[in-house]
Amino acid sequence: MIQGKQVYLRGLEREDLKLLHKMLNDEEVMEWARSRPDNATSMEELEKEYEGELKGENARRRTFVIVSKATQKVIGWASMRWWRPFHTTADIGVVIGDKGLRGKGMGSEVNMLLTKTAFEQYNMHKVELFTREDNKAAIRSAEKNGYKIEGRPRETVYFNGKFHDGVLMGLLREEYEKTKPRPSGSGSRSSKESFK
């Protein structure tokens, strides 16, 4: 498990697929999570998509469930993906599927935990994320954790009958090293605090 202050991340289990299925079929959740109009996912499709990961056989993606420490309930999911052959850059995604828990800093904390894991456990050189330009919460969360806007692809996402601009954000290892969380007692931030 990857421990945070309000949440922890754990590996995806087969029994999590039922809740994931519910979230993946929620139009509002998927508008921000996938930024595409297809928010209808069958259980069979979901099982097929995650089968390799459940068996530890997917070398290009790692999915975690987000668990609230206060309630011990799954509140969303997060993922880390590697698109390039030599795995020097990871792409992260965070979804707080429990709408009542949005705006409480949990997404920022998950972003920090994934970023830390990407650099310190997977030895990445860079971590990126992509979102729609109007997803202000995701952009603020990334900026809190040191990410910089690297590009704004125009009309790259289609959802609800119109095109939206995207935002590509990134954080290099050297930038992370300058601002990363420090262990308690080292005269800097605690390891459970965000980068900024």
N, C-alpha and C. Protein backbone atom coordinates (compact mmCIF):
# COMPACT_ATOMS: atom_id res chain seq x y z
N MET A 1 0.84 -1.19 0.00
CA MET A 1 0.00 0.00 0.00
C MET A 1 0.87 1.24 0.00
N ILE A 2 0.32 2.29 -0.58
CA ILE A 2 1.00 3.58 -0.61
C ILE A 2 0.19 4.50 0.30
N GLN A 3 0.78 4.88 1.43
CA GLN A 3 0.06 5.60 2.47
C GLN A 3 0.13 7.11 2.28
N GLY A 4 -1.00 7.76 2.44
CA GLY A 4 -1.08 9.21 2.48
C GLY A 4 -1.70 9.62 3.79
N LYS A 5 -2.05 10.88 3.89
CA LYS A 5 -2.65 11.40 5.12
C LYS A 5 -4.15 11.08 5.18
N GLN A 6 -4.87 11.33 4.08
CA GLN A 6 -6.31 11.09 4.04
C GLN A 6 -6.69 9.80 3.34
N VAL A 7 -5.80 9.33 2.47
CA VAL A 7 -6.10 8.16 1.64
C VAL A 7 -4.90 7.23 1.59
N TYR A 8 -5.16 6.03 1.12
CA TYR A 8 -4.06 5.16 0.73
C TYR A 8 -4.43 4.51 -0.59
N LEU A 9 -3.41 4.08 -1.31
CA LEU A 9 -3.58 3.43 -2.60
C LEU A 9 -3.21 1.97 -2.43
N ARG A 10 -4.01 1.10 -3.00
CA ARG A 10 -3.67 -0.32 -3.01
C ARG A 10 -3.94 -0.86 -4.40
N GLY A 11 -3.39 -2.02 -4.67
CA GLY A 11 -3.56 -2.63 -5.97
C GLY A 11 -5.02 -2.99 -6.24
N LEU A 12 -5.37 -2.98 -7.51
CA LEU A 12 -6.70 -3.36 -7.94
C LEU A 12 -6.93 -4.85 -7.70
N GLU A 13 -8.08 -5.18 -7.11
CA GLU A 13 -8.47 -6.57 -6.88
C GLU A 13 -9.73 -6.87 -7.70
N ARG A 14 -9.98 -8.13 -7.98
CA ARG A 14 -11.14 -8.51 -8.79
C ARG A 14 -12.44 -7.98 -8.18
N GLU A 15 -12.55 -8.00 -6.85
CA GLU A 15 -13.79 -7.53 -6.22
C GLU A 15 -14.00 -6.02 -6.38
N ASP A 16 -12.96 -5.27 -6.74
CA ASP A 16 -13.09 -3.83 -6.97
C ASP A 16 -13.77 -3.53 -8.30
N LEU A 17 -13.81 -4.49 -9.19
CA LEU A 17 -14.33 -4.25 -10.53
C LEU A 17 -15.81 -3.85 -10.52
N LYS A 18 -16.58 -4.35 -9.57
CA LYS A 18 -18.01 -4.02 -9.51
C LYS A 18 -18.20 -2.52 -9.27
N LEU A 19 -17.45 -1.96 -8.31
CA LEU A 19 -17.55 -0.52 -8.03
C LEU A 19 -16.94 0.29 -9.18
N LEU A 20 -15.85 -0.19 -9.72
CA LEU A 20 -15.23 0.48 -10.87
C LEU A 20 -16.20 0.52 -12.04
N HIS A 21 -16.93 -0.59 -12.24
CA HIS A 21 -17.94 -0.66 -13.29
C HIS A 21 -19.01 0.42 -13.09
N LYS A 22 -19.45 0.59 -11.85
CA LYS A 22 -20.46 1.62 -11.55
C LYS A 22 -19.91 3.01 -11.87
N MET A 23 -18.69 3.30 -11.47
CA MET A 23 -18.09 4.61 -11.71
C MET A 23 -17.85 4.85 -13.21
N LEU A 24 -17.41 3.81 -13.90
CA LEU A 24 -17.13 3.94 -15.34
C LEU A 24 -18.40 4.13 -16.16
N ASN A 25 -19.55 3.85 -15.58
CA ASN A 25 -20.81 4.05 -16.27
C ASN A 25 -21.54 5.30 -15.79
N ASP A 26 -20.87 6.12 -15.02
CA ASP A 26 -21.43 7.38 -14.55
C ASP A 26 -20.93 8.49 -15.48
N GLU A 27 -21.85 9.11 -16.21
CA GLU A 27 -21.47 10.09 -17.23
C GLU A 27 -20.66 11.25 -16.64
N GLU A 28 -21.06 11.76 -15.47
CA GLU A 28 -20.34 12.89 -14.88
C GLU A 28 -18.91 12.51 -14.49
N VAL A 29 -18.76 11.34 -13.90
CA VAL A 29 -17.42 10.87 -13.53
C VAL A 29 -16.56 10.72 -14.78
N MET A 30 -17.11 10.09 -15.80
CA MET A 30 -16.33 9.79 -17.00
C MET A 30 -16.06 11.02 -17.87
N GLU A 31 -16.88 12.05 -17.74
CA GLU A 31 -16.60 13.28 -18.48
C GLU A 31 -15.22 13.80 -18.13
N TRP A 32 -14.86 13.73 -16.86
CA TRP A 32 -13.55 14.21 -16.42
C TRP A 32 -12.49 13.12 -16.50
N ALA A 33 -12.87 11.88 -16.27
CA ALA A 33 -11.89 10.80 -16.23
C ALA A 33 -11.37 10.41 -17.61
N ARG A 34 -12.27 10.32 -18.56
CA ARG A 34 -11.85 9.87 -19.90
C ARG A 34 -11.99 10.94 -20.95
N SER A 35 -12.79 11.94 -20.64
CA SER A 35 -13.02 13.03 -21.59
C SER A 35 -13.48 12.51 -22.95
N ARG A 36 -14.35 11.55 -22.91
CA ARG A 36 -14.91 11.05 -24.17
C ARG A 36 -16.36 10.65 -23.92
N PRO A 37 -17.15 10.63 -24.98
CA PRO A 37 -18.58 10.41 -24.78
C PRO A 37 -18.96 8.98 -24.40
N ASP A 38 -18.08 8.02 -24.60
CA ASP A 38 -18.42 6.63 -24.32
C ASP A 38 -18.25 6.33 -22.85
N ASN A 39 -19.35 6.43 -22.10
CA ASN A 39 -19.29 6.11 -20.67
C ASN A 39 -20.11 4.86 -20.37
N ALA A 40 -20.32 4.03 -21.38
CA ALA A 40 -21.04 2.78 -21.19
C ALA A 40 -20.05 1.63 -21.32
N THR A 41 -19.73 1.00 -20.20
CA THR A 41 -18.76 -0.08 -20.17
C THR A 41 -19.42 -1.32 -19.58
N SER A 42 -19.34 -2.43 -20.28
CA SER A 42 -19.91 -3.67 -19.74
C SER A 42 -18.92 -4.29 -18.76
N MET A 43 -19.44 -5.12 -17.88
CA MET A 43 -18.58 -5.82 -16.91
C MET A 43 -17.61 -6.73 -17.65
N GLU A 44 -18.07 -7.38 -18.70
CA GLU A 44 -17.21 -8.26 -19.47
C GLU A 44 -16.05 -7.49 -20.10
N GLU A 45 -16.34 -6.31 -20.64
CA GLU A 45 -15.30 -5.46 -21.22
C GLU A 45 -14.29 -5.03 -20.16
N LEU A 46 -14.80 -4.68 -18.99
CA LEU A 46 -13.95 -4.25 -17.88
C LEU A 46 -13.04 -5.39 -17.42
N GLU A 47 -13.62 -6.57 -17.27
CA GLU A 47 -12.82 -7.73 -16.85
C GLU A 47 -11.72 -8.02 -17.86
N LYS A 48 -12.05 -7.93 -19.13
CA LYS A 48 -11.06 -8.17 -20.18
C LYS A 48 -9.95 -7.13 -20.15
N GLU A 49 -10.33 -5.85 -19.95
CA GLU A 49 -9.34 -4.78 -19.92
C GLU A 49 -8.35 -4.93 -18.77
N TYR A 50 -8.84 -5.36 -17.61
CA TYR A 50 -7.99 -5.42 -16.42
C TYR A 50 -7.45 -6.81 -16.11
N GLU A 51 -7.78 -7.80 -16.90
CA GLU A 51 -7.35 -9.18 -16.62
C GLU A 51 -5.83 -9.29 -16.47
N GLY A 52 -5.11 -8.70 -17.40
CA GLY A 52 -3.64 -8.77 -17.33
C GLY A 52 -3.09 -8.13 -16.08
N GLU A 53 -3.69 -7.02 -15.69
CA GLU A 53 -3.23 -6.33 -14.49
C GLU A 53 -3.53 -7.13 -13.23
N LEU A 54 -4.72 -7.73 -13.18
CA LEU A 54 -5.09 -8.55 -12.03
C LEU A 54 -4.14 -9.73 -11.86
N LYS A 55 -3.58 -10.19 -12.97
CA LYS A 55 -2.63 -11.31 -12.92
C LYS A 55 -1.18 -10.84 -12.82
N GLY A 56 -0.97 -9.52 -12.79
CA GLY A 56 0.39 -8.98 -12.72
C GLY A 56 1.13 -9.08 -14.04
N GLU A 57 0.39 -9.13 -15.15
CA GLU A 57 1.01 -9.33 -16.46
C GLU A 57 1.00 -8.09 -17.35
N ASN A 58 0.50 -6.96 -16.88
CA ASN A 58 0.46 -5.75 -17.70
C ASN A 58 1.70 -4.91 -17.40
N ALA A 59 2.62 -4.85 -18.33
CA ALA A 59 3.88 -4.14 -18.13
C ALA A 59 3.78 -2.66 -18.49
N ARG A 60 2.62 -2.20 -18.94
CA ARG A 60 2.48 -0.81 -19.38
C ARG A 60 1.53 0.04 -18.54
N ARG A 61 0.89 -0.57 -17.54
CA ARG A 61 -0.04 0.20 -16.71
C ARG A 61 -0.11 -0.43 -15.32
N ARG A 62 -0.26 0.43 -14.32
CA ARG A 62 -0.48 0.00 -12.94
C ARG A 62 -1.67 0.77 -12.41
N THR A 63 -2.74 0.07 -12.04
CA THR A 63 -3.95 0.71 -11.52
C THR A 63 -4.04 0.48 -10.02
N PHE A 64 -4.40 1.53 -9.31
CA PHE A 64 -4.58 1.49 -7.87
C PHE A 64 -6.02 1.89 -7.56
N VAL A 65 -6.57 1.38 -6.48
CA VAL A 65 -7.82 1.93 -5.98
C VAL A 65 -7.46 2.91 -4.87
N ILE A 66 -8.27 3.96 -4.76
CA ILE A 66 -8.07 4.99 -3.74
C ILE A 66 -9.02 4.67 -2.60
N VAL A 67 -8.48 4.52 -1.40
CA VAL A 67 -9.29 4.18 -0.23
C VAL A 67 -9.22 5.32 0.78
N SER A 68 -10.38 5.78 1.24
CA SER A 68 -10.44 6.80 2.27
C SER A 68 -10.03 6.18 3.60
N LYS A 69 -9.09 6.80 4.29
CA LYS A 69 -8.68 6.27 5.59
C LYS A 69 -9.81 6.42 6.62
N ALA A 70 -10.61 7.48 6.50
CA ALA A 70 -11.68 7.72 7.47
C ALA A 70 -12.77 6.66 7.40
N THR A 71 -13.11 6.21 6.18
CA THR A 71 -14.23 5.28 6.03
C THR A 71 -13.80 3.87 5.61
N GLN A 72 -12.56 3.73 5.17
CA GLN A 72 -12.04 2.47 4.63
C GLN A 72 -12.81 2.02 3.39
N LYS A 73 -13.43 2.98 2.67
CA LYS A 73 -14.17 2.67 1.45
C LYS A 73 -13.39 3.13 0.23
N VAL A 74 -13.55 2.40 -0.86
CA VAL A 74 -12.94 2.80 -2.13
C VAL A 74 -13.70 4.01 -2.64
N ILE A 75 -12.95 5.09 -2.95
CA ILE A 75 -13.57 6.34 -3.40
C ILE A 75 -13.19 6.70 -4.84
N GLY A 76 -12.34 5.91 -5.46
CA GLY A 76 -11.93 6.20 -6.82
C GLY A 76 -10.78 5.30 -7.23
N TRP A 77 -10.15 5.66 -8.33
CA TRP A 77 -9.00 4.90 -8.80
C TRP A 77 -7.98 5.83 -9.40
N ALA A 78 -6.77 5.33 -9.53
CA ALA A 78 -5.66 6.09 -10.09
C ALA A 78 -4.81 5.13 -10.91
N SER A 79 -4.14 5.68 -11.89
CA SER A 79 -3.31 4.81 -12.71
C SER A 79 -2.02 5.49 -13.12
N MET A 80 -1.06 4.66 -13.43
CA MET A 80 0.23 5.09 -13.97
C MET A 80 0.45 4.26 -15.22
N ARG A 81 0.74 4.95 -16.34
CA ARG A 81 0.92 4.25 -17.61
C ARG A 81 2.26 4.64 -18.22
N TRP A 82 2.82 3.70 -18.97
CA TRP A 82 4.06 3.93 -19.69
C TRP A 82 3.79 3.73 -21.16
N TRP A 83 3.93 4.80 -21.95
CA TRP A 83 3.63 4.70 -23.38
C TRP A 83 4.88 4.45 -24.19
N ARG A 84 6.01 4.87 -23.70
CA ARG A 84 7.24 4.79 -24.47
C ARG A 84 7.98 3.48 -24.18
N PRO A 85 8.68 2.97 -25.18
CA PRO A 85 9.31 1.65 -25.03
C PRO A 85 10.29 1.53 -23.86
N PHE A 86 11.01 2.60 -23.54
CA PHE A 86 12.02 2.47 -22.49
C PHE A 86 11.53 2.95 -21.12
N HIS A 87 10.25 3.25 -21.03
CA HIS A 87 9.63 3.57 -19.74
C HIS A 87 10.35 4.66 -18.97
N THR A 88 10.68 5.77 -19.60
CA THR A 88 11.31 6.87 -18.87
C THR A 88 10.30 7.94 -18.48
N THR A 89 9.11 7.86 -19.05
CA THR A 89 8.05 8.82 -18.76
C THR A 89 6.78 8.06 -18.38
N ALA A 90 6.19 8.48 -17.29
CA ALA A 90 4.91 7.89 -16.87
C ALA A 90 3.82 8.93 -17.05
N ASP A 91 2.64 8.46 -17.37
CA ASP A 91 1.45 9.30 -17.48
C ASP A 91 0.54 8.88 -16.32
N ILE A 92 0.09 9.84 -15.53
CA ILE A 92 -0.76 9.49 -14.40
C ILE A 92 -2.17 10.01 -14.60
N GLY A 93 -3.11 9.36 -13.94
CA GLY A 93 -4.50 9.78 -13.94
C GLY A 93 -5.12 9.51 -12.58
N VAL A 94 -5.97 10.41 -12.14
CA VAL A 94 -6.62 10.31 -10.83
C VAL A 94 -8.11 10.55 -11.01
N VAL A 95 -8.93 9.67 -10.44
CA VAL A 95 -10.39 9.86 -10.48
C VAL A 95 -10.94 9.68 -9.07
N ILE A 96 -11.53 10.75 -8.54
CA ILE A 96 -12.28 10.64 -7.29
C ILE A 96 -13.73 10.40 -7.72
N GLY A 97 -14.13 9.15 -7.70
CA GLY A 97 -15.46 8.76 -8.17
C GLY A 97 -16.57 9.10 -7.19
N ASP A 98 -16.23 9.21 -5.90
CA ASP A 98 -17.21 9.59 -4.89
C ASP A 98 -17.34 11.11 -4.93
N LYS A 99 -18.41 11.58 -5.55
CA LYS A 99 -18.58 13.02 -5.80
C LYS A 99 -18.62 13.85 -4.52
N GLY A 100 -19.08 13.27 -3.43
CA GLY A 100 -19.16 13.98 -2.15
C GLY A 100 -17.80 14.25 -1.53
N LEU A 101 -16.76 13.60 -2.03
CA LEU A 101 -15.42 13.78 -1.46
C LEU A 101 -14.51 14.64 -2.33
N ARG A 102 -15.05 15.19 -3.40
CA ARG A 102 -14.25 16.08 -4.25
C ARG A 102 -14.08 17.43 -3.55
N GLY A 103 -12.97 18.10 -3.87
CA GLY A 103 -12.71 19.42 -3.31
C GLY A 103 -12.16 19.38 -1.90
N LYS A 104 -11.74 18.21 -1.44
CA LYS A 104 -11.22 18.06 -0.07
C LYS A 104 -9.72 17.77 -0.04
N GLY A 105 -9.06 17.94 -1.18
CA GLY A 105 -7.62 17.74 -1.23
C GLY A 105 -7.17 16.31 -1.48
N MET A 106 -8.12 15.39 -1.60
CA MET A 106 -7.75 13.98 -1.79
C MET A 106 -7.12 13.75 -3.16
N GLY A 107 -7.64 14.40 -4.20
CA GLY A 107 -7.06 14.26 -5.54
C GLY A 107 -5.64 14.77 -5.58
N SER A 108 -5.37 15.89 -4.90
CA SER A 108 -4.01 16.43 -4.83
C SER A 108 -3.08 15.47 -4.10
N GLU A 109 -3.60 14.87 -3.04
CA GLU A 109 -2.78 13.92 -2.29
C GLU A 109 -2.48 12.68 -3.13
N VAL A 110 -3.46 12.18 -3.87
CA VAL A 110 -3.23 11.02 -4.74
C VAL A 110 -2.23 11.38 -5.83
N ASN A 111 -2.35 12.58 -6.40
CA ASN A 111 -1.38 13.04 -7.39
C ASN A 111 0.03 13.01 -6.80
N MET A 112 0.18 13.52 -5.58
CA MET A 112 1.49 13.52 -4.92
C MET A 112 2.00 12.10 -4.70
N LEU A 113 1.12 11.19 -4.25
CA LEU A 113 1.54 9.81 -3.99
C LEU A 113 1.97 9.11 -5.28
N LEU A 114 1.21 9.31 -6.37
CA LEU A 114 1.58 8.70 -7.65
C LEU A 114 2.89 9.27 -8.18
N THR A 115 3.04 10.58 -8.06
CA THR A 115 4.26 11.23 -8.55
C THR A 115 5.47 10.71 -7.79
N LYS A 116 5.36 10.66 -6.48
CA LYS A 116 6.45 10.15 -5.64
C LYS A 116 6.78 8.70 -6.02
N THR A 117 5.74 7.88 -6.21
CA THR A 117 5.94 6.48 -6.58
C THR A 117 6.63 6.37 -7.94
N ALA A 118 6.20 7.18 -8.90
CA ALA A 118 6.78 7.14 -10.24
C ALA A 118 8.28 7.45 -10.20
N PHE A 119 8.66 8.46 -9.45
CA PHE A 119 10.07 8.85 -9.40
C PHE A 119 10.89 7.93 -8.48
N GLU A 120 10.36 7.62 -7.31
CA GLU A 120 11.17 6.93 -6.31
C GLU A 120 11.09 5.40 -6.38
N GLN A 121 10.04 4.85 -6.97
CA GLN A 121 9.93 3.40 -7.06
C GLN A 121 10.13 2.88 -8.49
N TYR A 122 9.68 3.66 -9.48
CA TYR A 122 9.78 3.23 -10.87
C TYR A 122 10.91 3.93 -11.63
N ASN A 123 11.64 4.82 -10.95
CA ASN A 123 12.81 5.49 -11.51
C ASN A 123 12.50 6.24 -12.81
N MET A 124 11.37 6.92 -12.86
CA MET A 124 11.00 7.69 -14.05
C MET A 124 11.83 8.96 -14.15
N HIS A 125 12.01 9.42 -15.37
CA HIS A 125 12.69 10.70 -15.61
C HIS A 125 11.67 11.84 -15.64
N LYS A 126 10.44 11.52 -16.04
CA LYS A 126 9.40 12.54 -16.18
C LYS A 126 8.04 11.91 -15.90
N VAL A 127 7.15 12.72 -15.33
CA VAL A 127 5.77 12.30 -15.12
C VAL A 127 4.87 13.34 -15.79
N GLU A 128 3.89 12.86 -16.54
CA GLU A 128 2.97 13.74 -17.26
C GLU A 128 1.53 13.44 -16.88
N LEU A 129 0.67 14.40 -17.17
CA LEU A 129 -0.76 14.16 -17.11
C LEU A 129 -1.43 15.02 -18.15
N PHE A 130 -2.56 14.53 -18.63
CA PHE A 130 -3.33 15.24 -19.64
C PHE A 130 -4.76 15.38 -19.14
N THR A 131 -5.33 16.56 -19.33
CA THR A 131 -6.73 16.78 -18.95
C THR A 131 -7.33 17.81 -19.87
N ARG A 132 -8.62 18.01 -19.73
CA ARG A 132 -9.28 19.08 -20.47
C ARG A 132 -8.94 20.42 -19.85
N GLU A 133 -8.93 21.46 -20.68
CA GLU A 133 -8.58 22.79 -20.20
C GLU A 133 -9.56 23.30 -19.14
N ASP A 134 -10.81 22.84 -19.17
CA ASP A 134 -11.78 23.30 -18.18
C ASP A 134 -11.81 22.44 -16.91
N ASN A 135 -10.90 21.49 -16.78
CA ASN A 135 -10.81 20.69 -15.56
C ASN A 135 -9.89 21.41 -14.58
N LYS A 136 -10.40 22.49 -14.02
CA LYS A 136 -9.60 23.37 -13.15
C LYS A 136 -9.08 22.64 -11.92
N ALA A 137 -9.86 21.71 -11.37
CA ALA A 137 -9.43 20.98 -10.17
C ALA A 137 -8.18 20.15 -10.46
N ALA A 138 -8.16 19.45 -11.58
CA ALA A 138 -6.99 18.63 -11.93
C ALA A 138 -5.77 19.51 -12.19
N ILE A 139 -5.97 20.63 -12.84
CA ILE A 139 -4.85 21.54 -13.13
C ILE A 139 -4.29 22.11 -11.84
N ARG A 140 -5.15 22.57 -10.93
CA ARG A 140 -4.68 23.09 -9.63
C ARG A 140 -3.93 22.02 -8.84
N SER A 141 -4.49 20.81 -8.84
CA SER A 141 -3.87 19.70 -8.13
C SER A 141 -2.46 19.44 -8.65
N ALA A 142 -2.32 19.42 -9.95
CA ALA A 142 -1.00 19.18 -10.55
C ALA A 142 -0.05 20.33 -10.25
N GLU A 143 -0.53 21.55 -10.36
CA GLU A 143 0.34 22.71 -10.07
C GLU A 143 0.81 22.70 -8.62
N LYS A 144 -0.06 22.30 -7.69
CA LYS A 144 0.32 22.19 -6.28
C LYS A 144 1.49 21.24 -6.11
N ASN A 145 1.54 20.24 -6.97
CA ASN A 145 2.57 19.21 -6.88
C ASN A 145 3.76 19.47 -7.81
N GLY A 146 3.86 20.71 -8.31
CA GLY A 146 5.04 21.11 -9.06
C GLY A 146 4.95 20.96 -10.57
N TYR A 147 3.86 20.45 -11.09
CA TYR A 147 3.73 20.26 -12.54
C TYR A 147 3.62 21.61 -13.24
N LYS A 148 4.12 21.65 -14.47
CA LYS A 148 4.04 22.84 -15.30
C LYS A 148 3.25 22.52 -16.56
N ILE A 149 2.52 23.50 -17.06
CA ILE A 149 1.81 23.33 -18.32
C ILE A 149 2.83 23.34 -19.45
N GLU A 150 2.80 22.29 -20.26
CA GLU A 150 3.76 22.15 -21.36
C GLU A 150 3.11 22.37 -22.72
N GLY A 151 1.81 22.26 -22.76
CA GLY A 151 1.13 22.45 -24.04
C GLY A 151 -0.37 22.49 -23.88
N ARG A 152 -1.01 23.07 -24.90
CA ARG A 152 -2.47 23.18 -24.92
C ARG A 152 -2.97 22.75 -26.29
N PRO A 153 -3.09 21.45 -26.51
CA PRO A 153 -3.61 20.99 -27.80
C PRO A 153 -5.04 21.51 -28.02
N ARG A 154 -5.25 22.15 -29.16
CA ARG A 154 -6.55 22.77 -29.43
C ARG A 154 -7.55 21.73 -29.92
N GLU A 155 -8.77 21.83 -29.40
CA GLU A 155 -9.90 21.00 -29.83
C GLU A 155 -9.52 19.53 -30.01
N THR A 156 -8.87 18.99 -29.01
CA THR A 156 -8.36 17.62 -29.09
C THR A 156 -9.27 16.59 -28.41
N VAL A 157 -10.22 17.06 -27.59
CA VAL A 157 -11.11 16.17 -26.86
C VAL A 157 -12.55 16.46 -27.29
N TYR A 158 -13.29 15.40 -27.62
CA TYR A 158 -14.69 15.56 -28.01
C TYR A 158 -15.58 14.97 -26.93
N PHE A 159 -16.48 15.78 -26.39
CA PHE A 159 -17.40 15.31 -25.36
C PHE A 159 -18.66 16.14 -25.40
N ASN A 160 -19.82 15.49 -25.24
CA ASN A 160 -21.12 16.16 -25.21
C ASN A 160 -21.34 17.10 -26.40
N GLY A 161 -20.99 16.63 -27.58
CA GLY A 161 -21.31 17.36 -28.79
C GLY A 161 -20.40 18.51 -29.15
N LYS A 162 -19.27 18.67 -28.42
CA LYS A 162 -18.35 19.74 -28.81
C LYS A 162 -16.91 19.36 -28.50
N PHE A 163 -16.02 20.06 -29.17
CA PHE A 163 -14.59 19.85 -28.97
C PHE A 163 -14.09 20.75 -27.85
N HIS A 164 -13.14 20.22 -27.08
CA HIS A 164 -12.53 20.96 -25.97
C HIS A 164 -11.02 20.97 -26.15
N ASP A 165 -10.40 22.05 -25.69
CA ASP A 165 -8.95 22.11 -25.68
C ASP A 165 -8.42 21.24 -24.54
N GLY A 166 -7.23 20.73 -24.70
CA GLY A 166 -6.59 19.93 -23.68
C GLY A 166 -5.45 20.68 -23.03
N VAL A 167 -4.94 20.13 -21.94
CA VAL A 167 -3.76 20.68 -21.26
C VAL A 167 -2.84 19.50 -20.95
N LEU A 168 -1.60 19.61 -21.41
CA LEU A 168 -0.57 18.62 -21.09
C LEU A 168 0.34 19.24 -20.03
N MET A 169 0.52 18.53 -18.93
CA MET A 169 1.36 19.02 -17.84
C MET A 169 2.46 18.00 -17.57
N GLY A 170 3.60 18.48 -17.09
CA GLY A 170 4.71 17.58 -16.82
C GLY A 170 5.56 18.03 -15.66
N LEU A 171 6.29 17.08 -15.11
CA LEU A 171 7.23 17.33 -14.02
C LEU A 171 8.46 16.47 -14.27
N LEU A 172 9.63 17.11 -14.34
CA LEU A 172 10.90 16.40 -14.54
C LEU A 172 11.46 15.96 -13.20
N ARG A 173 12.28 14.92 -13.23
CA ARG A 173 12.90 14.42 -12.00
C ARG A 173 13.66 15.52 -11.25
N GLU A 174 14.44 16.32 -11.96
CA GLU A 174 15.23 17.36 -11.28
C GLU A 174 14.33 18.38 -10.60
N GLU A 175 13.17 18.68 -11.18
CA GLU A 175 12.21 19.59 -10.55
C GLU A 175 11.60 18.94 -9.31
N TYR A 176 11.28 17.66 -9.42
CA TYR A 176 10.75 16.91 -8.28
C TYR A 176 11.77 16.87 -7.15
N GLU A 177 13.03 16.60 -7.47
CA GLU A 177 14.08 16.49 -6.45
C GLU A 177 14.24 17.78 -5.65
N LYS A 178 14.01 18.92 -6.28
CA LYS A 178 14.14 20.21 -5.60
C LYS A 178 13.00 20.48 -4.63
N THR A 179 11.85 19.86 -4.87
CA THR A 179 10.67 20.17 -4.07
C THR A 179 10.02 18.97 -3.41
N LYS A 180 10.62 17.79 -3.55
CA LYS A 180 9.96 16.57 -3.06
C LYS A 180 9.77 16.59 -1.55
N PRO A 181 8.81 15.81 -1.08
CA PRO A 181 8.58 15.70 0.36
C PRO A 181 9.82 15.10 1.05
N ARG A 182 10.11 15.58 2.22
CA ARG A 182 11.24 15.09 3.01
C ARG A 182 10.74 14.33 4.22
N PRO A 183 11.52 13.36 4.69
CA PRO A 183 11.12 12.65 5.91
C PRO A 183 11.01 13.60 7.10
N SER A 184 10.13 13.29 8.02
CA SER A 184 9.98 14.10 9.22
C SER A 184 11.31 14.20 9.95
N GLY A 185 11.58 15.37 10.52
CA GLY A 185 12.80 15.57 11.29
C GLY A 185 13.99 16.00 10.46
N SER A 186 13.81 16.16 9.12
CA SER A 186 14.94 16.55 8.29
C SER A 186 14.99 18.06 8.08
N GLY A 187 14.12 18.79 8.79
CA GLY A 187 14.11 20.24 8.66
C GLY A 187 13.31 20.72 7.47
N SER A 188 12.64 19.80 6.81
CA SER A 188 11.81 20.16 5.66
C SER A 188 10.43 19.59 5.84
N ARG A 189 9.67 19.55 4.76
CA ARG A 189 8.29 19.07 4.84
C ARG A 189 8.23 17.59 5.20
N SER A 190 7.12 17.21 5.80
CA SER A 190 6.88 15.80 6.09
C SER A 190 6.62 15.06 4.80
N SER A 191 6.89 13.75 4.78
CA SER A 191 6.69 12.95 3.58
C SER A 191 5.22 12.84 3.20
N LYS A 192 4.32 13.26 4.06
CA LYS A 192 2.89 13.17 3.75
C LYS A 192 2.34 14.49 3.24
N GLU A 193 3.19 15.50 3.05
CA GLU A 193 2.72 16.78 2.54
C GLU A 193 2.97 16.86 1.06
N SER A 194 2.19 17.70 0.38
CA SER A 194 2.39 17.88 -1.05
C SER A 194 3.67 18.66 -1.31
N PHE A 195 4.07 18.70 -2.58
CA PHE A 195 5.34 19.29 -2.96
C PHE A 195 5.40 20.78 -2.73
N LYS A 196 4.29 21.47 -2.84
CA LYS A 196 4.32 22.94 -2.70
C LYS A 196 3.38 23.40 -1.63
